[in-house]
């Protein structure tokens, strides 16, 4: 407990799934967490869960592919909490199907969120972090599909592809983000932390 005490973190796409788990763990470790997502009701629910556990959190409806949204989220975070220490670029989408089946519109939508969103989060995250007196951390998450291709496999087949014998849980990713956001990782920069149960090591 307390590994992120006094830190302020923005976690995108944190209304559900991996982002929510990351936000909850960061709050548990003492961070003030800004939950951002397109899903307002689920985002408010994540904030309520953090607050119920004694943490501090806020929610912003946020489209990560829109620069004005990033400007607003970063500026209002700094205005409310006085600083920004961590940005977790977690928000991401996927379009099922192969390259020959996907439309150009599908491609552009994925790129706008998964790449433009990370670029904008990094750009404005740096701007917000530099307003403080200390350094900070920008953590960019990606699927294993950022490293290898994957078939639309059924769950049982997918489990078989993980040498550890089971699929990961949201907290497995969340704890990695907590570590990278903490002072324990202060000498780490520009590194990949692959948390995949050995899937890409085969």
N, C-alpha and C. Protein backbone atom coordinates (compact mmCIF):
# COMPACT_ATOMS: atom_id res chain seq x y z
N UNK A 1 0.84 -1.20 0.00
CA UNK A 1 0.00 0.00 0.00
C UNK A 1 0.88 1.26 0.00
N UNK A 2 0.43 2.28 -0.71
CA UNK A 2 1.13 3.56 -0.68
C UNK A 2 2.24 3.72 -1.69
N UNK A 3 2.39 2.79 -2.63
CA UNK A 3 3.48 2.90 -3.61
C UNK A 3 3.30 4.10 -4.54
N UNK A 4 2.07 4.58 -4.68
CA UNK A 4 1.79 5.73 -5.55
C UNK A 4 1.24 6.92 -4.76
N UNK A 5 1.53 6.99 -3.48
CA UNK A 5 1.02 8.06 -2.63
C UNK A 5 1.41 9.43 -3.18
N UNK A 6 0.45 10.33 -3.24
CA UNK A 6 0.61 11.72 -3.71
C UNK A 6 0.75 11.85 -5.22
N UNK A 7 0.69 10.75 -5.95
CA UNK A 7 0.75 10.83 -7.41
C UNK A 7 -0.66 11.01 -7.98
N UNK A 8 -0.72 11.66 -9.14
CA UNK A 8 -1.98 11.86 -9.86
C UNK A 8 -1.85 11.14 -11.20
N UNK A 9 -2.82 10.28 -11.49
CA UNK A 9 -2.75 9.45 -12.70
C UNK A 9 -4.01 9.57 -13.54
N UNK A 10 -3.82 9.74 -14.84
CA UNK A 10 -4.91 9.63 -15.81
C UNK A 10 -4.83 8.24 -16.42
N UNK A 11 -5.95 7.51 -16.39
CA UNK A 11 -6.01 6.18 -17.01
C UNK A 11 -7.14 6.20 -18.04
N UNK A 12 -6.78 6.11 -19.32
CA UNK A 12 -7.79 6.16 -20.37
C UNK A 12 -8.46 4.79 -20.53
N UNK A 13 -9.70 4.83 -21.01
CA UNK A 13 -10.44 3.59 -21.21
C UNK A 13 -10.59 2.80 -19.93
N UNK A 14 -10.81 3.50 -18.82
CA UNK A 14 -10.78 2.83 -17.52
C UNK A 14 -12.14 2.63 -16.89
N UNK A 15 -13.20 2.69 -17.70
CA UNK A 15 -14.54 2.40 -17.19
C UNK A 15 -14.73 0.90 -16.98
N UNK A 16 -14.03 0.10 -17.79
CA UNK A 16 -14.20 -1.35 -17.76
C UNK A 16 -12.85 -2.05 -17.99
N UNK A 17 -12.82 -3.34 -17.76
CA UNK A 17 -11.71 -4.18 -18.19
C UNK A 17 -10.36 -3.87 -17.57
N UNK A 18 -9.32 -3.96 -18.41
CA UNK A 18 -7.95 -3.76 -17.93
C UNK A 18 -7.75 -2.36 -17.37
N UNK A 19 -8.35 -1.37 -18.03
CA UNK A 19 -8.22 0.01 -17.56
C UNK A 19 -8.83 0.22 -16.19
N UNK A 20 -9.99 -0.37 -15.98
CA UNK A 20 -10.64 -0.25 -14.66
C UNK A 20 -9.80 -0.92 -13.59
N UNK A 21 -9.30 -2.12 -13.88
CA UNK A 21 -8.44 -2.82 -12.92
C UNK A 21 -7.21 -1.98 -12.59
N UNK A 22 -6.63 -1.35 -13.61
CA UNK A 22 -5.45 -0.51 -13.39
C UNK A 22 -5.79 0.69 -12.52
N UNK A 23 -6.92 1.35 -12.82
CA UNK A 23 -7.34 2.51 -12.04
C UNK A 23 -7.58 2.13 -10.58
N UNK A 24 -8.24 1.00 -10.35
CA UNK A 24 -8.53 0.55 -8.98
C UNK A 24 -7.25 0.25 -8.21
N UNK A 25 -6.31 -0.42 -8.87
CA UNK A 25 -5.06 -0.75 -8.19
C UNK A 25 -4.23 0.49 -7.91
N UNK A 26 -4.20 1.43 -8.85
CA UNK A 26 -3.45 2.67 -8.62
C UNK A 26 -4.04 3.46 -7.47
N UNK A 27 -5.37 3.51 -7.40
CA UNK A 27 -6.02 4.21 -6.28
C UNK A 27 -5.72 3.50 -4.97
N UNK A 28 -5.74 2.19 -4.99
CA UNK A 28 -5.43 1.40 -3.79
C UNK A 28 -4.01 1.68 -3.30
N UNK A 29 -3.11 1.98 -4.24
CA UNK A 29 -1.73 2.28 -3.88
C UNK A 29 -1.50 3.77 -3.59
N UNK A 30 -2.59 4.54 -3.51
CA UNK A 30 -2.49 5.91 -3.04
C UNK A 30 -2.60 7.00 -4.08
N UNK A 31 -2.71 6.66 -5.36
CA UNK A 31 -2.82 7.68 -6.40
C UNK A 31 -4.21 8.29 -6.44
N UNK A 32 -4.27 9.56 -6.81
CA UNK A 32 -5.53 10.18 -7.19
C UNK A 32 -5.72 9.86 -8.66
N UNK A 33 -6.83 9.21 -9.01
CA UNK A 33 -6.99 8.65 -10.35
C UNK A 33 -8.07 9.39 -11.13
N UNK A 34 -7.72 9.78 -12.35
CA UNK A 34 -8.68 10.36 -13.28
C UNK A 34 -9.08 9.25 -14.24
N UNK A 35 -10.32 8.80 -14.11
CA UNK A 35 -10.88 7.77 -14.98
C UNK A 35 -11.43 8.45 -16.22
N UNK A 36 -10.97 8.04 -17.41
CA UNK A 36 -11.53 8.61 -18.63
C UNK A 36 -12.02 7.49 -19.54
N UNK A 37 -13.14 7.77 -20.21
CA UNK A 37 -13.74 6.76 -21.08
C UNK A 37 -14.89 7.42 -21.84
N UNK A 38 -15.37 6.74 -22.86
CA UNK A 38 -16.58 7.19 -23.56
C UNK A 38 -17.84 6.79 -22.81
N UNK A 39 -17.74 5.74 -21.99
CA UNK A 39 -18.90 5.19 -21.28
C UNK A 39 -19.09 5.92 -19.95
N UNK A 40 -20.02 6.86 -19.92
CA UNK A 40 -20.19 7.72 -18.75
C UNK A 40 -20.66 6.95 -17.53
N UNK A 41 -21.68 6.10 -17.69
CA UNK A 41 -22.23 5.37 -16.54
C UNK A 41 -21.20 4.42 -15.94
N UNK A 42 -20.49 3.70 -16.78
CA UNK A 42 -19.48 2.77 -16.28
C UNK A 42 -18.30 3.52 -15.66
N UNK A 43 -17.96 4.69 -16.23
CA UNK A 43 -16.90 5.50 -15.65
C UNK A 43 -17.27 6.01 -14.27
N UNK A 44 -18.51 6.46 -14.12
CA UNK A 44 -18.98 6.92 -12.81
C UNK A 44 -18.98 5.77 -11.81
N UNK A 45 -19.31 4.57 -12.28
CA UNK A 45 -19.30 3.39 -11.42
C UNK A 45 -17.89 3.08 -10.94
N UNK A 46 -16.89 3.23 -11.82
CA UNK A 46 -15.50 2.99 -11.43
C UNK A 46 -15.06 3.99 -10.36
N UNK A 47 -15.44 5.26 -10.54
CA UNK A 47 -15.12 6.29 -9.55
C UNK A 47 -15.77 5.96 -8.21
N UNK A 48 -17.03 5.55 -8.26
CA UNK A 48 -17.75 5.21 -7.02
C UNK A 48 -17.07 4.04 -6.30
N UNK A 49 -16.59 3.06 -7.07
CA UNK A 49 -15.90 1.91 -6.45
C UNK A 49 -14.59 2.35 -5.79
N UNK A 50 -13.87 3.24 -6.45
CA UNK A 50 -12.62 3.75 -5.87
C UNK A 50 -12.91 4.53 -4.59
N UNK A 51 -13.90 5.40 -4.65
CA UNK A 51 -14.24 6.22 -3.48
C UNK A 51 -14.76 5.36 -2.32
N UNK A 52 -15.53 4.32 -2.63
CA UNK A 52 -16.04 3.43 -1.59
C UNK A 52 -14.90 2.75 -0.84
N UNK A 53 -13.79 2.50 -1.56
CA UNK A 53 -12.63 1.86 -0.94
C UNK A 53 -11.72 2.88 -0.26
N UNK A 54 -12.13 4.16 -0.24
CA UNK A 54 -11.35 5.19 0.45
C UNK A 54 -10.40 5.97 -0.43
N UNK A 55 -10.47 5.74 -1.75
CA UNK A 55 -9.58 6.44 -2.67
C UNK A 55 -10.19 7.73 -3.21
N UNK A 56 -9.42 8.41 -4.05
CA UNK A 56 -9.84 9.66 -4.66
C UNK A 56 -9.83 9.49 -6.17
N UNK A 57 -10.94 9.88 -6.82
CA UNK A 57 -11.03 9.71 -8.27
C UNK A 57 -12.01 10.70 -8.87
N UNK A 58 -11.84 10.94 -10.16
CA UNK A 58 -12.75 11.78 -10.94
C UNK A 58 -12.98 11.10 -12.27
N UNK A 59 -14.07 11.47 -12.95
CA UNK A 59 -14.36 10.92 -14.27
C UNK A 59 -14.49 12.03 -15.30
N UNK A 60 -13.90 11.79 -16.48
CA UNK A 60 -14.10 12.65 -17.63
C UNK A 60 -14.52 11.80 -18.82
N UNK A 61 -15.59 12.22 -19.50
CA UNK A 61 -15.91 11.57 -20.77
C UNK A 61 -14.87 12.04 -21.78
N UNK A 62 -14.27 11.10 -22.49
CA UNK A 62 -13.04 11.42 -23.20
C UNK A 62 -12.90 10.54 -24.44
N UNK A 63 -12.84 11.17 -25.60
CA UNK A 63 -12.51 10.47 -26.83
C UNK A 63 -11.02 10.70 -27.07
N UNK A 64 -10.22 9.66 -26.93
CA UNK A 64 -8.77 9.83 -26.97
C UNK A 64 -8.24 10.23 -28.34
N UNK A 65 -9.07 10.10 -29.38
CA UNK A 65 -8.62 10.47 -30.72
C UNK A 65 -8.84 11.95 -31.03
N UNK A 66 -9.42 12.69 -30.07
CA UNK A 66 -9.70 14.12 -30.27
C UNK A 66 -8.77 14.95 -29.39
N UNK A 67 -7.97 15.79 -30.02
CA UNK A 67 -6.96 16.55 -29.28
C UNK A 67 -7.58 17.50 -28.27
N UNK A 68 -8.69 18.14 -28.61
CA UNK A 68 -9.34 19.06 -27.67
C UNK A 68 -9.76 18.35 -26.39
N UNK A 69 -10.17 17.07 -26.51
CA UNK A 69 -10.52 16.30 -25.31
C UNK A 69 -9.29 16.11 -24.42
N UNK A 70 -8.14 15.83 -25.04
CA UNK A 70 -6.92 15.66 -24.26
C UNK A 70 -6.51 16.95 -23.56
N UNK A 71 -6.62 18.06 -24.28
CA UNK A 71 -6.28 19.36 -23.66
C UNK A 71 -7.15 19.60 -22.43
N UNK A 72 -8.45 19.33 -22.58
CA UNK A 72 -9.38 19.55 -21.47
C UNK A 72 -9.07 18.62 -20.30
N UNK A 73 -8.87 17.35 -20.57
CA UNK A 73 -8.63 16.38 -19.49
C UNK A 73 -7.35 16.71 -18.72
N UNK A 74 -6.27 17.01 -19.45
CA UNK A 74 -5.01 17.31 -18.79
C UNK A 74 -5.11 18.62 -18.00
N UNK A 75 -5.66 19.66 -18.62
CA UNK A 75 -5.76 20.95 -17.95
C UNK A 75 -6.65 20.88 -16.71
N UNK A 76 -7.77 20.18 -16.80
CA UNK A 76 -8.68 20.09 -15.65
C UNK A 76 -8.11 19.19 -14.56
N UNK A 77 -7.34 18.18 -14.95
CA UNK A 77 -6.67 17.34 -13.95
C UNK A 77 -5.67 18.17 -13.14
N UNK A 78 -4.84 18.93 -13.84
CA UNK A 78 -3.84 19.77 -13.15
C UNK A 78 -4.52 20.83 -12.30
N UNK A 79 -5.61 21.42 -12.83
CA UNK A 79 -6.33 22.44 -12.07
C UNK A 79 -6.94 21.86 -10.79
N UNK A 80 -7.46 20.64 -10.87
CA UNK A 80 -8.14 20.05 -9.72
C UNK A 80 -7.17 19.49 -8.69
N UNK A 81 -6.12 18.80 -9.17
CA UNK A 81 -5.22 18.10 -8.25
C UNK A 81 -3.85 18.75 -8.10
N UNK A 82 -3.58 19.78 -8.91
CA UNK A 82 -2.34 20.53 -8.76
C UNK A 82 -1.14 19.93 -9.45
N UNK A 83 -1.32 18.79 -10.09
CA UNK A 83 -0.18 18.14 -10.73
C UNK A 83 -0.68 17.00 -11.62
N UNK A 84 0.23 16.45 -12.42
CA UNK A 84 0.00 15.22 -13.17
C UNK A 84 1.30 14.45 -13.14
N UNK A 85 1.23 13.18 -12.74
CA UNK A 85 2.44 12.35 -12.63
C UNK A 85 2.45 11.17 -13.59
N UNK A 86 1.27 10.66 -13.92
CA UNK A 86 1.19 9.41 -14.68
C UNK A 86 0.08 9.50 -15.71
N UNK A 87 0.37 9.05 -16.94
CA UNK A 87 -0.66 8.85 -17.94
C UNK A 87 -0.58 7.40 -18.40
N UNK A 88 -1.68 6.67 -18.28
CA UNK A 88 -1.76 5.31 -18.79
C UNK A 88 -2.63 5.33 -20.04
N UNK A 89 -2.00 5.17 -21.20
CA UNK A 89 -2.73 5.12 -22.47
C UNK A 89 -3.21 3.68 -22.68
N UNK A 90 -4.38 3.41 -22.11
CA UNK A 90 -4.96 2.07 -22.14
C UNK A 90 -6.05 1.93 -23.19
N UNK A 91 -6.77 3.02 -23.50
CA UNK A 91 -7.92 2.93 -24.40
C UNK A 91 -7.51 2.33 -25.74
N UNK A 92 -8.29 1.38 -26.21
CA UNK A 92 -8.00 0.76 -27.49
C UNK A 92 -9.23 0.02 -28.00
N UNK A 93 -9.30 -0.15 -29.30
CA UNK A 93 -10.40 -0.86 -29.92
C UNK A 93 -9.85 -1.87 -30.91
N UNK A 94 -10.69 -2.80 -31.32
CA UNK A 94 -10.31 -3.79 -32.32
C UNK A 94 -11.48 -4.01 -33.26
N UNK A 95 -11.16 -4.30 -34.50
CA UNK A 95 -12.18 -4.65 -35.49
C UNK A 95 -11.94 -6.09 -35.91
N UNK A 96 -12.90 -6.98 -35.68
CA UNK A 96 -12.68 -8.38 -36.05
C UNK A 96 -12.62 -8.56 -37.56
N UNK A 97 -11.89 -9.58 -37.98
CA UNK A 97 -11.80 -9.86 -39.41
C UNK A 97 -10.39 -9.71 -39.92
N UNK A 98 -10.18 -10.12 -41.16
CA UNK A 98 -8.86 -10.07 -41.77
C UNK A 98 -8.68 -8.75 -42.53
N UNK A 99 -7.45 -8.50 -42.97
CA UNK A 99 -7.16 -7.28 -43.72
C UNK A 99 -7.99 -7.19 -44.99
N UNK A 100 -8.23 -8.32 -45.64
CA UNK A 100 -9.00 -8.28 -46.90
C UNK A 100 -10.48 -8.01 -46.67
N UNK A 101 -10.96 -8.27 -45.45
CA UNK A 101 -12.38 -8.03 -45.16
C UNK A 101 -12.63 -6.65 -44.57
N UNK A 102 -11.63 -6.06 -43.93
CA UNK A 102 -11.83 -4.78 -43.26
C UNK A 102 -11.93 -3.64 -44.28
N UNK A 103 -12.76 -2.65 -43.93
CA UNK A 103 -12.88 -1.47 -44.78
C UNK A 103 -11.83 -0.43 -44.37
N UNK A 104 -11.60 0.52 -45.25
CA UNK A 104 -10.68 1.61 -44.92
C UNK A 104 -11.20 2.41 -43.73
N UNK A 105 -12.52 2.56 -43.65
CA UNK A 105 -13.12 3.27 -42.50
C UNK A 105 -12.84 2.53 -41.20
N UNK A 106 -12.93 1.20 -41.23
CA UNK A 106 -12.60 0.39 -40.05
C UNK A 106 -11.15 0.63 -39.64
N UNK A 107 -10.26 0.58 -40.62
CA UNK A 107 -8.83 0.79 -40.38
C UNK A 107 -8.58 2.15 -39.74
N UNK A 108 -9.17 3.17 -40.32
CA UNK A 108 -8.93 4.53 -39.82
C UNK A 108 -9.48 4.71 -38.41
N UNK A 109 -10.59 4.05 -38.10
CA UNK A 109 -11.16 4.16 -36.75
C UNK A 109 -10.21 3.53 -35.73
N UNK A 110 -9.68 2.35 -36.05
CA UNK A 110 -8.74 1.68 -35.15
C UNK A 110 -7.48 2.53 -34.96
N UNK A 111 -6.94 3.05 -36.07
CA UNK A 111 -5.72 3.86 -36.01
C UNK A 111 -5.96 5.13 -35.19
N UNK A 112 -7.14 5.74 -35.35
CA UNK A 112 -7.41 7.01 -34.65
C UNK A 112 -7.39 6.82 -33.14
N UNK A 113 -7.88 5.69 -32.68
CA UNK A 113 -7.90 5.42 -31.23
C UNK A 113 -6.56 4.84 -30.76
N UNK A 114 -6.11 3.78 -31.42
CA UNK A 114 -4.97 3.02 -30.94
C UNK A 114 -3.62 3.68 -31.18
N UNK A 115 -3.51 4.50 -32.22
CA UNK A 115 -2.24 5.20 -32.48
C UNK A 115 -2.34 6.69 -32.22
N UNK A 116 -3.31 7.36 -32.85
CA UNK A 116 -3.45 8.80 -32.60
C UNK A 116 -3.69 9.07 -31.12
N UNK A 117 -4.51 8.24 -30.49
CA UNK A 117 -4.82 8.43 -29.07
C UNK A 117 -3.58 8.33 -28.20
N UNK A 118 -2.69 7.39 -28.53
CA UNK A 118 -1.45 7.23 -27.76
C UNK A 118 -0.52 8.42 -28.01
N UNK A 119 -0.43 8.86 -29.28
CA UNK A 119 0.39 10.03 -29.58
C UNK A 119 -0.10 11.26 -28.81
N UNK A 120 -1.41 11.50 -28.85
CA UNK A 120 -1.97 12.66 -28.16
C UNK A 120 -1.81 12.55 -26.65
N UNK A 121 -1.99 11.34 -26.12
CA UNK A 121 -1.81 11.13 -24.69
C UNK A 121 -0.38 11.36 -24.25
N UNK A 122 0.56 10.94 -25.10
CA UNK A 122 1.97 11.18 -24.80
C UNK A 122 2.29 12.67 -24.88
N UNK A 123 1.84 13.30 -25.95
CA UNK A 123 2.10 14.74 -26.15
C UNK A 123 1.57 15.58 -25.00
N UNK A 124 0.30 15.41 -24.67
CA UNK A 124 -0.31 16.24 -23.64
C UNK A 124 0.03 15.74 -22.23
N UNK A 125 0.33 14.45 -22.12
CA UNK A 125 0.82 13.94 -20.84
C UNK A 125 2.14 14.58 -20.46
N UNK A 126 3.06 14.67 -21.42
CA UNK A 126 4.34 15.34 -21.17
C UNK A 126 4.10 16.78 -20.75
N UNK A 127 3.21 17.46 -21.45
CA UNK A 127 2.91 18.86 -21.13
C UNK A 127 2.41 19.00 -19.69
N UNK A 128 1.51 18.10 -19.29
CA UNK A 128 0.98 18.16 -17.94
C UNK A 128 2.00 17.80 -16.89
N UNK A 129 2.79 16.76 -17.15
CA UNK A 129 3.81 16.32 -16.19
C UNK A 129 4.87 17.40 -15.99
N UNK A 130 5.23 18.10 -17.06
CA UNK A 130 6.28 19.13 -16.96
C UNK A 130 5.86 20.33 -16.12
N UNK A 131 4.57 20.46 -15.84
CA UNK A 131 4.12 21.56 -14.98
C UNK A 131 4.45 21.31 -13.52
N UNK A 132 4.77 20.07 -13.17
CA UNK A 132 5.12 19.72 -11.79
C UNK A 132 6.60 19.88 -11.55
N UNK A 133 7.01 19.55 -10.33
CA UNK A 133 8.41 19.68 -9.93
C UNK A 133 9.16 18.36 -10.03
N UNK A 134 8.44 17.27 -10.30
CA UNK A 134 9.08 15.95 -10.38
C UNK A 134 8.89 15.36 -11.76
N UNK A 135 9.51 14.26 -11.99
CA UNK A 135 9.30 13.54 -13.24
C UNK A 135 7.97 12.79 -13.20
N UNK A 136 7.78 11.94 -14.17
CA UNK A 136 6.53 11.19 -14.22
C UNK A 136 6.69 9.96 -15.09
N UNK A 137 5.57 9.33 -15.39
CA UNK A 137 5.58 8.11 -16.20
C UNK A 137 4.45 8.15 -17.21
N UNK A 138 4.77 7.77 -18.44
CA UNK A 138 3.75 7.57 -19.46
C UNK A 138 3.81 6.10 -19.85
N UNK A 139 2.70 5.41 -19.66
CA UNK A 139 2.63 3.96 -19.85
C UNK A 139 1.66 3.68 -20.99
N UNK A 140 2.18 3.11 -22.08
CA UNK A 140 1.37 2.80 -23.25
C UNK A 140 1.11 1.30 -23.31
N UNK A 141 -0.15 0.92 -23.21
CA UNK A 141 -0.51 -0.49 -23.25
C UNK A 141 -0.88 -0.89 -24.68
N UNK A 142 -0.57 -2.14 -25.01
CA UNK A 142 -1.05 -2.68 -26.28
C UNK A 142 -1.38 -4.15 -26.08
N UNK A 143 -2.17 -4.66 -26.98
CA UNK A 143 -2.49 -6.08 -26.99
C UNK A 143 -1.27 -6.86 -27.48
N UNK A 144 -1.27 -8.17 -27.25
CA UNK A 144 -0.22 -9.00 -27.83
C UNK A 144 -0.26 -8.94 -29.35
N UNK A 145 -1.41 -8.51 -29.90
CA UNK A 145 -1.49 -8.37 -31.35
C UNK A 145 -0.59 -7.24 -31.86
N UNK A 146 -0.04 -6.44 -30.93
CA UNK A 146 0.98 -5.48 -31.32
C UNK A 146 2.31 -6.15 -31.62
N UNK A 147 2.44 -7.42 -31.18
CA UNK A 147 3.68 -8.16 -31.39
C UNK A 147 3.50 -9.32 -32.36
N UNK A 148 2.35 -10.00 -32.28
CA UNK A 148 2.09 -11.16 -33.14
C UNK A 148 0.66 -11.14 -33.62
N UNK A 149 0.41 -11.82 -34.73
CA UNK A 149 -0.95 -11.98 -35.22
C UNK A 149 -1.68 -13.04 -34.40
N UNK A 150 -2.98 -13.06 -34.50
CA UNK A 150 -3.76 -14.00 -33.70
C UNK A 150 -4.98 -14.42 -34.48
N UNK A 151 -5.34 -15.70 -34.47
CA UNK A 151 -6.57 -16.18 -35.10
C UNK A 151 -7.76 -15.86 -34.20
N UNK A 152 -8.98 -15.82 -34.68
CA UNK A 152 -10.19 -15.66 -33.86
C UNK A 152 -10.51 -16.97 -33.14
N UNK A 153 -9.52 -17.40 -32.26
CA UNK A 153 -9.57 -18.71 -31.62
C UNK A 153 -10.61 -18.76 -30.52
N UNK A 154 -11.14 -19.96 -30.26
CA UNK A 154 -12.05 -20.15 -29.14
C UNK A 154 -11.24 -20.17 -27.85
N UNK A 155 -11.92 -19.94 -26.73
CA UNK A 155 -11.23 -19.78 -25.44
C UNK A 155 -10.32 -20.95 -25.11
N UNK A 156 -10.80 -22.18 -25.31
CA UNK A 156 -10.00 -23.35 -24.94
C UNK A 156 -8.71 -23.40 -25.75
N UNK A 157 -8.83 -23.11 -27.04
CA UNK A 157 -7.65 -23.10 -27.89
C UNK A 157 -6.69 -21.99 -27.51
N UNK A 158 -7.25 -20.85 -27.11
CA UNK A 158 -6.42 -19.72 -26.72
C UNK A 158 -5.64 -20.02 -25.44
N UNK A 159 -6.30 -20.69 -24.50
CA UNK A 159 -5.61 -21.09 -23.26
C UNK A 159 -4.42 -21.99 -23.58
N UNK A 160 -4.60 -22.90 -24.53
CA UNK A 160 -3.53 -23.83 -24.90
C UNK A 160 -2.30 -23.12 -25.46
N UNK A 161 -2.48 -21.90 -25.97
CA UNK A 161 -1.36 -21.15 -26.52
C UNK A 161 -0.55 -20.40 -25.46
N UNK A 162 -1.00 -20.46 -24.20
CA UNK A 162 -0.30 -19.79 -23.10
C UNK A 162 0.48 -20.83 -22.30
N UNK A 163 1.81 -20.81 -22.35
CA UNK A 163 2.61 -21.82 -21.64
C UNK A 163 2.31 -21.93 -20.15
N UNK A 164 1.84 -20.85 -19.51
CA UNK A 164 1.55 -20.94 -18.08
C UNK A 164 0.26 -21.73 -17.81
N UNK A 165 -0.52 -22.02 -18.87
CA UNK A 165 -1.69 -22.88 -18.73
C UNK A 165 -2.99 -22.18 -18.42
N UNK A 166 -3.01 -20.86 -18.42
CA UNK A 166 -4.26 -20.14 -18.19
C UNK A 166 -4.16 -18.75 -18.79
N UNK A 167 -5.32 -18.11 -18.96
CA UNK A 167 -5.34 -16.74 -19.47
C UNK A 167 -5.02 -15.76 -18.35
N UNK A 168 -4.59 -14.57 -18.73
CA UNK A 168 -4.31 -13.54 -17.75
C UNK A 168 -5.58 -12.92 -17.19
N UNK A 169 -5.43 -12.21 -16.10
CA UNK A 169 -6.53 -11.47 -15.47
C UNK A 169 -6.22 -9.98 -15.55
N UNK A 170 -7.25 -9.12 -15.50
CA UNK A 170 -7.01 -7.68 -15.58
C UNK A 170 -5.97 -7.17 -14.59
N UNK A 171 -5.96 -7.71 -13.37
CA UNK A 171 -5.00 -7.26 -12.36
C UNK A 171 -3.56 -7.57 -12.76
N UNK A 172 -3.34 -8.60 -13.58
CA UNK A 172 -1.98 -8.91 -14.02
C UNK A 172 -1.39 -7.73 -14.79
N UNK A 173 -2.21 -7.07 -15.58
CA UNK A 173 -1.77 -5.89 -16.31
C UNK A 173 -1.72 -4.68 -15.38
N UNK A 174 -2.72 -4.56 -14.52
CA UNK A 174 -2.80 -3.44 -13.59
C UNK A 174 -1.58 -3.33 -12.69
N UNK A 175 -1.12 -4.48 -12.16
CA UNK A 175 0.06 -4.44 -11.29
C UNK A 175 1.30 -4.02 -12.05
N UNK A 176 1.39 -4.40 -13.33
CA UNK A 176 2.51 -3.94 -14.15
C UNK A 176 2.51 -2.44 -14.29
N UNK A 177 1.31 -1.87 -14.49
CA UNK A 177 1.19 -0.41 -14.61
C UNK A 177 1.52 0.28 -13.29
N UNK A 178 1.09 -0.30 -12.18
CA UNK A 178 1.44 0.26 -10.86
C UNK A 178 2.95 0.31 -10.69
N UNK A 179 3.61 -0.79 -11.04
CA UNK A 179 5.07 -0.82 -10.93
C UNK A 179 5.73 0.27 -11.76
N UNK A 180 5.32 0.40 -13.04
CA UNK A 180 5.93 1.39 -13.92
C UNK A 180 5.63 2.82 -13.46
N UNK A 181 4.50 3.02 -12.81
CA UNK A 181 4.14 4.36 -12.32
C UNK A 181 4.81 4.71 -11.00
N UNK A 182 5.33 3.70 -10.32
CA UNK A 182 5.91 3.93 -8.99
C UNK A 182 7.36 4.38 -9.07
N UNK A 183 7.87 4.86 -7.95
CA UNK A 183 9.28 5.27 -7.88
C UNK A 183 10.23 4.08 -8.00
N UNK A 184 9.69 2.86 -7.84
CA UNK A 184 10.51 1.66 -8.00
C UNK A 184 11.04 1.55 -9.44
N UNK A 185 10.33 2.16 -10.38
CA UNK A 185 10.71 2.08 -11.79
C UNK A 185 11.35 3.37 -12.30
N UNK A 186 11.88 4.18 -11.40
CA UNK A 186 12.37 5.51 -11.78
C UNK A 186 13.56 5.48 -12.73
N UNK A 187 14.25 4.34 -12.84
CA UNK A 187 15.40 4.25 -13.74
C UNK A 187 15.06 3.49 -15.03
N UNK A 188 13.76 3.23 -15.22
CA UNK A 188 13.30 2.54 -16.43
C UNK A 188 12.75 3.56 -17.40
N UNK A 189 13.18 3.48 -18.64
CA UNK A 189 12.67 4.39 -19.67
C UNK A 189 12.70 3.70 -21.02
N UNK A 190 11.67 3.93 -21.82
CA UNK A 190 11.62 3.39 -23.18
C UNK A 190 11.66 1.88 -23.26
N UNK A 191 11.10 1.19 -22.28
CA UNK A 191 11.18 -0.27 -22.23
C UNK A 191 9.82 -0.92 -22.45
N UNK A 192 9.85 -2.17 -22.95
CA UNK A 192 8.64 -2.97 -23.05
C UNK A 192 8.57 -3.91 -21.85
N UNK A 193 7.38 -4.02 -21.27
CA UNK A 193 7.13 -5.01 -20.23
C UNK A 193 6.04 -5.91 -20.77
N UNK A 194 6.42 -7.10 -21.23
CA UNK A 194 5.46 -8.03 -21.84
C UNK A 194 4.83 -8.88 -20.74
N UNK A 195 3.53 -8.73 -20.56
CA UNK A 195 2.80 -9.49 -19.54
C UNK A 195 1.78 -10.35 -20.27
N UNK A 196 2.21 -11.56 -20.64
CA UNK A 196 1.34 -12.36 -21.52
C UNK A 196 1.37 -13.87 -21.22
N UNK A 197 1.86 -14.24 -20.05
CA UNK A 197 1.87 -15.67 -19.71
C UNK A 197 2.73 -16.51 -20.63
N UNK A 198 3.68 -15.89 -21.31
CA UNK A 198 4.56 -16.62 -22.19
C UNK A 198 4.06 -16.80 -23.61
N UNK A 199 2.91 -16.18 -23.94
CA UNK A 199 2.28 -16.38 -25.26
C UNK A 199 3.24 -16.02 -26.40
N UNK A 200 3.92 -14.89 -26.30
CA UNK A 200 4.77 -14.45 -27.40
C UNK A 200 6.18 -15.02 -27.33
N UNK A 201 6.47 -15.81 -26.30
CA UNK A 201 7.81 -16.38 -26.14
C UNK A 201 7.94 -17.75 -26.78
N UNK A 202 6.88 -18.26 -27.40
CA UNK A 202 6.91 -19.61 -27.98
C UNK A 202 7.80 -19.68 -29.20
